[in-house]
């Protein structure tokens, strides 16, 4: 009887703590923001369940040496498209490369899950690409870390944009110095019209005006990336968004 009582009490405490954590997460939402992740499961998200799960209250993507990925794959938010918005989240990465897709689209379902094209707020375990604006399966790098750029049509080379660097936000190495290795970092993405901005841990990493009249995306899906390469682990939590109108 004593054992049963102990088990019941432990279960009740666990339920209460779980409820308190959920309530606390809801309570800290900033005005105008909506949570996109419930902290418990992948409700509202779609991807390969062999790669994506929830661990310790965070969306977690894990790859291993076998099977080896043959393409980048994504966990896609199924709650609808986004256009003008501010997105805030925390991420942690061990090995490899990842990113946050926005105003993007699913172009096919690959062997390892959805394949996505579009704007990407990049980050990695290394020291080069975190914070850049990359366009997955499209125009490539639209701004290196620390750059203010204007992206224009290039009729002479329609496969590659004309990217003009018009200013600086600081040295790339100084921004990298503020990024914590294998620990939680805060990422903010602001997309308003054709103006795109990324911030990591409060430091602006890129500022882009996309004037490409054909390829600049005005809306699209959100998604989280696992990149081909060595075995890696990436986690996301506190994902919330505010529409900007």
C-alpha atoms as a PDB file:
ATOM      1  CA  UNK A   1       0.000   0.000   0.000  1.00  0.00           C
ATOM      2  CA  UNK A   2       2.836   2.352   0.856  1.00  0.00           C
ATOM      3  CA  UNK A   3       4.455   1.630  -2.522  1.00  0.00           C
ATOM      4  CA  UNK A   4       1.199   2.321  -4.373  1.00  0.00           C
ATOM      5  CA  UNK A   5       0.750   5.601  -2.496  1.00  0.00           C
ATOM      6  CA  UNK A   6       4.291   6.639  -3.371  1.00  0.00           C
ATOM      7  CA  UNK A   7       3.713   5.875  -7.057  1.00  0.00           C
ATOM      8  CA  UNK A   8       0.435   7.821  -7.083  1.00  0.00           C
ATOM      9  CA  UNK A   9       2.050  10.819  -5.389  1.00  0.00           C
ATOM     10  CA  UNK A  10       4.969  10.767  -7.820  1.00  0.00           C
ATOM     11  CA  UNK A  11       2.563  10.648 -10.776  1.00  0.00           C
ATOM     12  CA  UNK A  12       0.519  13.557  -9.430  1.00  0.00           C
ATOM     13  CA  UNK A  13       3.642  15.644  -8.849  1.00  0.00           C
ATOM     14  CA  UNK A  14       4.820  14.904 -12.394  1.00  0.00           C
ATOM     15  CA  UNK A  15       1.461  15.975 -13.848  1.00  0.00           C
ATOM     16  CA  UNK A  16       1.416  19.157 -11.771  1.00  0.00           C
ATOM     17  CA  UNK A  17       4.964  20.072 -12.760  1.00  0.00           C
ATOM     18  CA  UNK A  18       4.192  19.438 -16.426  1.00  0.00           C
ATOM     19  CA  UNK A  19       1.113  21.639 -16.225  1.00  0.00           C
ATOM     20  CA  UNK A  20       3.040  24.348 -14.427  1.00  0.00           C
ATOM     21  CA  UNK A  21       5.750  24.301 -17.084  1.00  0.00           C
ATOM     22  CA  UNK A  22       3.167  24.630 -19.851  1.00  0.00           C
ATOM     23  CA  UNK A  23       1.415  27.464 -18.024  1.00  0.00           C
ATOM     24  CA  UNK A  24       4.748  29.197 -17.423  1.00  0.00           C
ATOM     25  CA  UNK A  25       5.620  28.959 -21.127  1.00  0.00           C
ATOM     26  CA  UNK A  26       2.265  30.502 -22.046  1.00  0.00           C
ATOM     27  CA  UNK A  27       2.667  33.203 -19.401  1.00  0.00           C
ATOM     28  CA  UNK A  28       5.981  34.462 -20.764  1.00  0.00           C
ATOM     29  CA  UNK A  29       4.727  34.998 -24.315  1.00  0.00           C
ATOM     30  CA  UNK A  30       5.380  38.586 -25.328  1.00  0.00           C
ATOM     31  CA  UNK A  31       2.372  40.736 -26.345  1.00  0.00           C
ATOM     32  CA  UNK A  32       1.157  39.870 -29.839  1.00  0.00           C
ATOM     33  CA  UNK A  33       3.105  36.602 -30.064  1.00  0.00           C
ATOM     34  CA  UNK A  34       1.671  33.115 -30.579  1.00  0.00           C
ATOM     35  CA  UNK A  35       3.454  29.907 -29.609  1.00  0.00           C
ATOM     36  CA  UNK A  36       4.096  27.448 -32.466  1.00  0.00           C
ATOM     37  CA  UNK A  37       5.294  24.551 -30.288  1.00  0.00           C
ATOM     38  CA  UNK A  38       3.533  23.059 -27.273  1.00  0.00           C
ATOM     39  CA  UNK A  39       6.707  21.735 -25.636  1.00  0.00           C
ATOM     40  CA  UNK A  40       5.353  18.169 -25.497  1.00  0.00           C
ATOM     41  CA  UNK A  41       4.958  16.681 -28.981  1.00  0.00           C
ATOM     42  CA  UNK A  42       5.103  17.524 -32.690  1.00  0.00           C
ATOM     43  CA  UNK A  43       1.488  18.625 -33.024  1.00  0.00           C
ATOM     44  CA  UNK A  44       1.432  21.238 -35.799  1.00  0.00           C
ATOM     45  CA  UNK A  45       4.670  20.002 -37.366  1.00  0.00           C
ATOM     46  CA  UNK A  46       5.342  17.372 -40.032  1.00  0.00           C
ATOM     47  CA  UNK A  47       8.548  15.535 -40.889  1.00  0.00           C
ATOM     48  CA  UNK A  48      10.365  12.213 -40.742  1.00  0.00           C
ATOM     49  CA  UNK A  49       9.610  10.669 -37.304  1.00  0.00           C
ATOM     50  CA  UNK A  50      12.843   8.675 -37.472  1.00  0.00           C
ATOM     51  CA  UNK A  51      14.750  11.970 -37.388  1.00  0.00           C
ATOM     52  CA  UNK A  52      12.503  14.351 -35.438  1.00  0.00           C
ATOM     53  CA  UNK A  53      11.116  14.026 -31.908  1.00  0.00           C
ATOM     54  CA  UNK A  54      10.635  16.017 -28.708  1.00  0.00           C
ATOM     55  CA  UNK A  55      13.230  15.599 -25.957  1.00  0.00           C
ATOM     56  CA  UNK A  56      13.487  17.611 -22.752  1.00  0.00           C
ATOM     57  CA  UNK A  57      10.792  20.015 -23.968  1.00  0.00           C
ATOM     58  CA  UNK A  58      12.568  20.805 -27.249  1.00  0.00           C
ATOM     59  CA  UNK A  59      12.027  19.820 -30.873  1.00  0.00           C
ATOM     60  CA  UNK A  60      15.018  17.591 -31.566  1.00  0.00           C
ATOM     61  CA  UNK A  61      16.523  16.477 -34.866  1.00  0.00           C
ATOM     62  CA  UNK A  62      19.133  13.717 -34.790  1.00  0.00           C
ATOM     63  CA  UNK A  63      21.092  12.036 -37.571  1.00  0.00           C
ATOM     64  CA  UNK A  64      23.457   9.072 -37.386  1.00  0.00           C
ATOM     65  CA  UNK A  65      26.195   7.667 -39.589  1.00  0.00           C
ATOM     66  CA  UNK A  66      23.816   4.923 -40.721  1.00  0.00           C
ATOM     67  CA  UNK A  67      21.548   5.562 -42.502  1.00  0.00           C
ATOM     68  CA  UNK A  68      23.414   8.483 -44.047  1.00  0.00           C
ATOM     69  CA  UNK A  69      21.273  11.364 -45.312  1.00  0.00           C
ATOM     70  CA  UNK A  70      21.373  11.912 -49.063  1.00  0.00           C
ATOM     71  CA  UNK A  71      19.534  15.249 -48.978  1.00  0.00           C
ATOM     72  CA  UNK A  72      18.694  18.032 -46.544  1.00  0.00           C
ATOM     73  CA  UNK A  73      15.392  17.354 -44.828  1.00  0.00           C
ATOM     74  CA  UNK A  74      12.946  19.457 -42.848  1.00  0.00           C
ATOM     75  CA  UNK A  75      10.310  19.575 -40.150  1.00  0.00           C
ATOM     76  CA  UNK A  76       7.507  21.664 -41.657  1.00  0.00           C
ATOM     77  CA  UNK A  77       5.102  23.841 -39.670  1.00  0.00           C
ATOM     78  CA  UNK A  78       1.577  22.934 -40.799  1.00  0.00           C
ATOM     79  CA  UNK A  79      -0.271  25.859 -39.226  1.00  0.00           C
ATOM     80  CA  UNK A  80      -0.346  27.936 -42.416  1.00  0.00           C
ATOM     81  CA  UNK A  81       1.834  30.276 -44.428  1.00  0.00           C
ATOM     82  CA  UNK A  82       3.555  33.359 -43.034  1.00  0.00           C
ATOM     83  CA  UNK A  83       4.164  36.694 -44.757  1.00  0.00           C
ATOM     84  CA  UNK A  84       5.214  39.689 -42.622  1.00  0.00           C
ATOM     85  CA  UNK A  85       6.250  38.545 -39.151  1.00  0.00           C
ATOM     86  CA  UNK A  86       8.708  38.480 -36.284  1.00  0.00           C
ATOM     87  CA  UNK A  87       9.793  34.970 -35.300  1.00  0.00           C
ATOM     88  CA  UNK A  88      11.644  34.240 -32.067  1.00  0.00           C
ATOM     89  CA  UNK A  89      13.115  30.934 -30.898  1.00  0.00           C
ATOM     90  CA  UNK A  90      16.034  29.338 -29.102  1.00  0.00           C
ATOM     91  CA  UNK A  91      18.313  26.763 -30.728  1.00  0.00           C
ATOM     92  CA  UNK A  92      21.156  24.475 -29.747  1.00  0.00           C
ATOM     93  CA  UNK A  93      23.336  22.487 -32.157  1.00  0.00           C
ATOM     94  CA  UNK A  94      25.987  19.805 -31.723  1.00  0.00           C
ATOM     95  CA  UNK A  95      27.907  19.177 -34.955  1.00  0.00           C
ATOM     96  CA  UNK A  96      26.707  19.943 -38.449  1.00  0.00           C
ATOM     97  CA  UNK A  97      24.549  22.667 -39.947  1.00  0.00           C
ATOM     98  CA  UNK A  98      20.900  23.652 -39.677  1.00  0.00           C
ATOM     99  CA  UNK A  99      18.590  26.573 -40.307  1.00  0.00           C
ATOM    100  CA  UNK A 100      15.136  28.079 -40.080  1.00  0.00           C
ATOM    101  CA  UNK A 101      13.206  28.259 -43.335  1.00  0.00           C
ATOM    102  CA  UNK A 102      10.693  31.066 -43.847  1.00  0.00           C
ATOM    103  CA  UNK A 103       8.534  32.222 -46.736  1.00  0.00           C
ATOM    104  CA  UNK A 104       9.499  28.863 -48.213  1.00  0.00           C
ATOM    105  CA  UNK A 105       7.815  25.968 -50.032  1.00  0.00           C
ATOM    106  CA  UNK A 106       7.955  22.170 -50.081  1.00  0.00           C
ATOM    107  CA  UNK A 107       9.216  21.156 -53.520  1.00  0.00           C
ATOM    108  CA  UNK A 108       9.139  17.371 -53.079  1.00  0.00           C
ATOM    109  CA  UNK A 109       9.033  14.558 -50.548  1.00  0.00           C
ATOM    110  CA  UNK A 110      12.427  12.902 -50.525  1.00  0.00           C
ATOM    111  CA  UNK A 111      13.670   9.610 -49.128  1.00  0.00           C
ATOM    112  CA  UNK A 112      14.344  11.234 -45.745  1.00  0.00           C
ATOM    113  CA  UNK A 113      11.364  13.593 -45.619  1.00  0.00           C
ATOM    114  CA  UNK A 114      10.234  16.951 -47.037  1.00  0.00           C
ATOM    115  CA  UNK A 115      12.618  18.914 -49.261  1.00  0.00           C
ATOM    116  CA  UNK A 116      12.163  22.673 -48.934  1.00  0.00           C
ATOM    117  CA  UNK A 117      13.242  25.699 -50.970  1.00  0.00           C
ATOM    118  CA  UNK A 118      13.334  29.315 -49.817  1.00  0.00           C
ATOM    119  CA  UNK A 119      14.808  31.848 -47.402  1.00  0.00           C
ATOM    120  CA  UNK A 120      16.870  30.309 -44.616  1.00  0.00           C
ATOM    121  CA  UNK A 121      18.210  31.830 -41.418  1.00  0.00           C
ATOM    122  CA  UNK A 122      21.321  29.686 -41.246  1.00  0.00           C
ATOM    123  CA  UNK A 123      23.246  28.446 -38.212  1.00  0.00           C
ATOM    124  CA  UNK A 124      25.828  25.770 -37.552  1.00  0.00           C
ATOM    125  CA  UNK A 125      28.188  24.209 -35.043  1.00  0.00           C
ATOM    126  CA  UNK A 126      31.080  25.813 -36.931  1.00  0.00           C
ATOM    127  CA  UNK A 127      32.100  29.457 -37.044  1.00  0.00           C
ATOM    128  CA  UNK A 128      31.238  30.733 -40.533  1.00  0.00           C
ATOM    129  CA  UNK A 129      27.564  30.578 -41.444  1.00  0.00           C
ATOM    130  CA  UNK A 130      25.481  31.270 -38.330  1.00  0.00           C
ATOM    131  CA  UNK A 131      23.268  34.283 -38.989  1.00  0.00           C
ATOM    132  CA  UNK A 132      23.636  34.491 -42.772  1.00  0.00           C
ATOM    133  CA  UNK A 133      20.692  34.664 -45.187  1.00  0.00           C
ATOM    134  CA  UNK A 134      20.810  31.679 -47.516  1.00  0.00           C
ATOM    135  CA  UNK A 135      18.175  30.738 -50.054  1.00  0.00           C
ATOM    136  CA  UNK A 136      17.898  26.950 -50.013  1.00  0.00           C
ATOM    137  CA  UNK A 137      17.736  25.302 -53.452  1.00  0.00           C
ATOM    138  CA  UNK A 138      17.501  28.696 -55.118  1.00  0.00           C
ATOM    139  CA  UNK A 139      19.732  31.798 -55.208  1.00  0.00           C
ATOM    140  CA  UNK A 140      22.254  30.767 -52.566  1.00  0.00           C
ATOM    141  CA  UNK A 141      23.847  33.255 -50.146  1.00  0.00           C
ATOM    142  CA  UNK A 142      22.045  36.614 -50.159  1.00  0.00           C
ATOM    143  CA  UNK A 143      24.024  38.104 -47.256  1.00  0.00           C
ATOM    144  CA  UNK A 144      27.102  36.995 -45.374  1.00  0.00           C
ATOM    145  CA  UNK A 145      27.227  37.585 -41.639  1.00  0.00           C
ATOM    146  CA  UNK A 146      27.674  41.266 -40.834  1.00  0.00           C
ATOM    147  CA  UNK A 147      26.483  42.487 -44.227  1.00  0.00           C
ATOM    148  CA  UNK A 148      23.748  44.860 -45.325  1.00  0.00           C
ATOM    149  CA  UNK A 149      22.831  43.926 -48.902  1.00  0.00           C
ATOM    150  CA  UNK A 150      20.432  44.749 -51.708  1.00  0.00           C
ATOM    151  CA  UNK A 151      19.473  41.846 -53.971  1.00  0.00           C
ATOM    152  CA  UNK A 152      18.559  42.717 -57.556  1.00  0.00           C
ATOM    153  CA  UNK A 153      17.597  41.006 -60.799  1.00  0.00           C
ATOM    154  CA  UNK A 154      20.518  40.046 -63.000  1.00  0.00           C
ATOM    155  CA  UNK A 155      19.171  39.544 -66.546  1.00  0.00           C
ATOM    156  CA  UNK A 156      22.589  38.395 -67.754  1.00  0.00           C
ATOM    157  CA  UNK A 157      22.637  35.532 -65.232  1.00  0.00           C
ATOM    158  CA  UNK A 158      19.083  34.639 -64.180  1.00  0.00           C
ATOM    159  CA  UNK A 159      20.265  31.693 -62.074  1.00  0.00           C
ATOM    160  CA  UNK A 160      22.319  33.966 -59.818  1.00  0.00           C
ATOM    161  CA  UNK A 161      21.204  37.259 -58.288  1.00  0.00           C
ATOM    162  CA  UNK A 162      23.145  40.490 -58.204  1.00  0.00           C
ATOM    163  CA  UNK A 163      23.967  41.037 -54.531  1.00  0.00           C
ATOM    164  CA  UNK A 164      25.238  44.506 -53.677  1.00  0.00           C
ATOM    165  CA  UNK A 165      26.850  45.043 -50.275  1.00  0.00           C
ATOM    166  CA  UNK A 166      25.684  48.478 -49.118  1.00  0.00           C
ATOM    167  CA  UNK A 167      26.822  48.551 -45.499  1.00  0.00           C
ATOM    168  CA  UNK A 168      28.184  46.727 -42.476  1.00  0.00           C
ATOM    169  CA  UNK A 169      26.657  45.574 -39.195  1.00  0.00           C
ATOM    170  CA  UNK A 170      30.009  44.693 -37.680  1.00  0.00           C
ATOM    171  CA  UNK A 171      32.795  42.176 -38.069  1.00  0.00           C
ATOM    172  CA  UNK A 172      31.737  38.572 -38.612  1.00  0.00           C
ATOM    173  CA  UNK A 173      34.206  37.345 -35.974  1.00  0.00           C
ATOM    174  CA  UNK A 174      32.763  39.715 -33.367  1.00  0.00           C
ATOM    175  CA  UNK A 175      29.246  38.409 -34.005  1.00  0.00           C
ATOM    176  CA  UNK A 176      30.502  34.822 -33.859  1.00  0.00           C
ATOM    177  CA  UNK A 177      32.116  35.543 -30.486  1.00  0.00           C
ATOM    178  CA  UNK A 178      28.629  36.110 -29.018  1.00  0.00           C
ATOM    179  CA  UNK A 179      27.322  32.714 -30.201  1.00  0.00           C
ATOM    180  CA  UNK A 180      27.487  29.982 -27.561  1.00  0.00           C
ATOM    181  CA  UNK A 181      28.891  26.620 -28.648  1.00  0.00           C
ATOM    182  CA  UNK A 182      26.685  23.579 -27.937  1.00  0.00           C
ATOM    183  CA  UNK A 183      24.451  25.767 -25.774  1.00  0.00           C
ATOM    184  CA  UNK A 184      21.188  27.656 -26.229  1.00  0.00           C
ATOM    185  CA  UNK A 185      21.195  30.742 -28.456  1.00  0.00           C
ATOM    186  CA  UNK A 186      18.313  33.093 -29.243  1.00  0.00           C
ATOM    187  CA  UNK A 187      17.422  33.676 -32.893  1.00  0.00           C
ATOM    188  CA  UNK A 188      15.101  36.439 -34.159  1.00  0.00           C
ATOM    189  CA  UNK A 189      13.905  36.786 -37.763  1.00  0.00           C
ATOM    190  CA  UNK A 190      11.999  39.861 -38.936  1.00  0.00           C
ATOM    191  CA  UNK A 191      10.434  39.874 -42.412  1.00  0.00           C
ATOM    192  CA  UNK A 192       8.513  42.986 -43.457  1.00  0.00           C
ATOM    193  CA  UNK A 193       7.799  43.392 -47.148  1.00  0.00           C
ATOM    194  CA  UNK A 194      11.106  42.857 -48.944  1.00  0.00           C
ATOM    195  CA  UNK A 195      13.152  43.792 -45.860  1.00  0.00           C
ATOM    196  CA  UNK A 196      14.687  40.779 -44.069  1.00  0.00           C
ATOM    197  CA  UNK A 197      16.671  40.893 -40.814  1.00  0.00           C
ATOM    198  CA  UNK A 198      18.317  38.237 -38.634  1.00  0.00           C
ATOM    199  CA  UNK A 199      19.529  38.568 -35.040  1.00  0.00           C
ATOM    200  CA  UNK A 200      21.375  36.094 -32.777  1.00  0.00           C
ATOM    201  CA  UNK A 201      21.629  36.786 -29.049  1.00  0.00           C
ATOM    202  CA  UNK A 202      20.567  40.374 -29.649  1.00  0.00           C
ATOM    203  CA  UNK A 203      23.177  41.100 -32.336  1.00  0.00           C
ATOM    204  CA  UNK A 204      21.967  41.830 -35.862  1.00  0.00           C
ATOM    205  CA  UNK A 205      23.688  39.495 -38.294  1.00  0.00           C
ATOM    206  CA  UNK A 206      22.229  40.533 -41.693  1.00  0.00           C
ATOM    207  CA  UNK A 207      20.020  43.231 -43.200  1.00  0.00           C
ATOM    208  CA  UNK A 208      18.667  42.500 -46.689  1.00  0.00           C
ATOM    209  CA  UNK A 209      16.438  44.313 -49.162  1.00  0.00           C
ATOM    210  CA  UNK A 210      15.302  41.796 -51.795  1.00  0.00           C
ATOM    211  CA  UNK A 211      14.418  43.724 -54.944  1.00  0.00           C
ATOM    212  CA  UNK A 212      14.326  40.695 -57.248  1.00  0.00           C
ATOM    213  CA  UNK A 213      10.939  41.239 -58.888  1.00  0.00           C
ATOM    214  CA  UNK A 214      10.500  37.560 -59.760  1.00  0.00           C
ATOM    215  CA  UNK A 215      12.198  35.519 -57.044  1.00  0.00           C
ATOM    216  CA  UNK A 216      11.631  37.541 -53.864  1.00  0.00           C
ATOM    217  CA  UNK A 217       9.126  35.535 -51.814  1.00  0.00           C
ATOM    218  CA  UNK A 218       6.281  37.434 -50.168  1.00  0.00           C
ATOM    219  CA  UNK A 219       4.923  34.497 -48.167  1.00  0.00           C
ATOM    220  CA  UNK A 220       5.386  30.782 -47.578  1.00  0.00           C
ATOM    221  CA  UNK A 221       5.899  28.088 -44.974  1.00  0.00           C
ATOM    222  CA  UNK A 222       8.123  27.820 -41.912  1.00  0.00           C
ATOM    223  CA  UNK A 223      10.390  24.785 -41.498  1.00  0.00           C
ATOM    224  CA  UNK A 224      13.381  23.558 -39.488  1.00  0.00           C
ATOM    225  CA  UNK A 225      16.366  21.917 -41.175  1.00  0.00           C
ATOM    226  CA  UNK A 226      18.591  18.889 -40.731  1.00  0.00           C
ATOM    227  CA  UNK A 227      21.566  19.150 -43.096  1.00  0.00           C
ATOM    228  CA  UNK A 228      23.427  16.353 -44.847  1.00  0.00           C
ATOM    229  CA  UNK A 229      26.842  15.643 -43.397  1.00  0.00           C
ATOM    230  CA  UNK A 230      28.244  14.133 -40.206  1.00  0.00           C
ATOM    231  CA  UNK A 231      25.974  12.882 -37.406  1.00  0.00           C
ATOM    232  CA  UNK A 232      24.410  15.859 -35.654  1.00  0.00           C
ATOM    233  CA  UNK A 233      21.862  16.953 -33.084  1.00  0.00           C
ATOM    234  CA  UNK A 234      19.834  20.155 -33.287  1.00  0.00           C
ATOM    235  CA  UNK A 235      17.170  21.407 -30.879  1.00  0.00           C
ATOM    236  CA  UNK A 236      14.573  24.193 -30.939  1.00  0.00           C
ATOM    237  CA  UNK A 237      12.348  25.581 -28.187  1.00  0.00           C
ATOM    238  CA  UNK A 238      10.283  28.653 -27.261  1.00  0.00           C
ATOM    239  CA  UNK A 239       9.155  29.065 -30.882  1.00  0.00           C
ATOM    240  CA  UNK A 240       6.750  31.985 -31.210  1.00  0.00           C
ATOM    241  CA  UNK A 241       5.620  34.392 -33.903  1.00  0.00           C
ATOM    242  CA  UNK A 242       3.964  37.780 -34.196  1.00  0.00           C
ATOM    243  CA  UNK A 243       2.304  38.941 -37.431  1.00  0.00           C
ATOM    244  CA  UNK A 244       3.468  42.360 -38.638  1.00  0.00           C
ATOM    245  CA  UNK A 245       0.842  44.395 -40.459  1.00  0.00           C
END
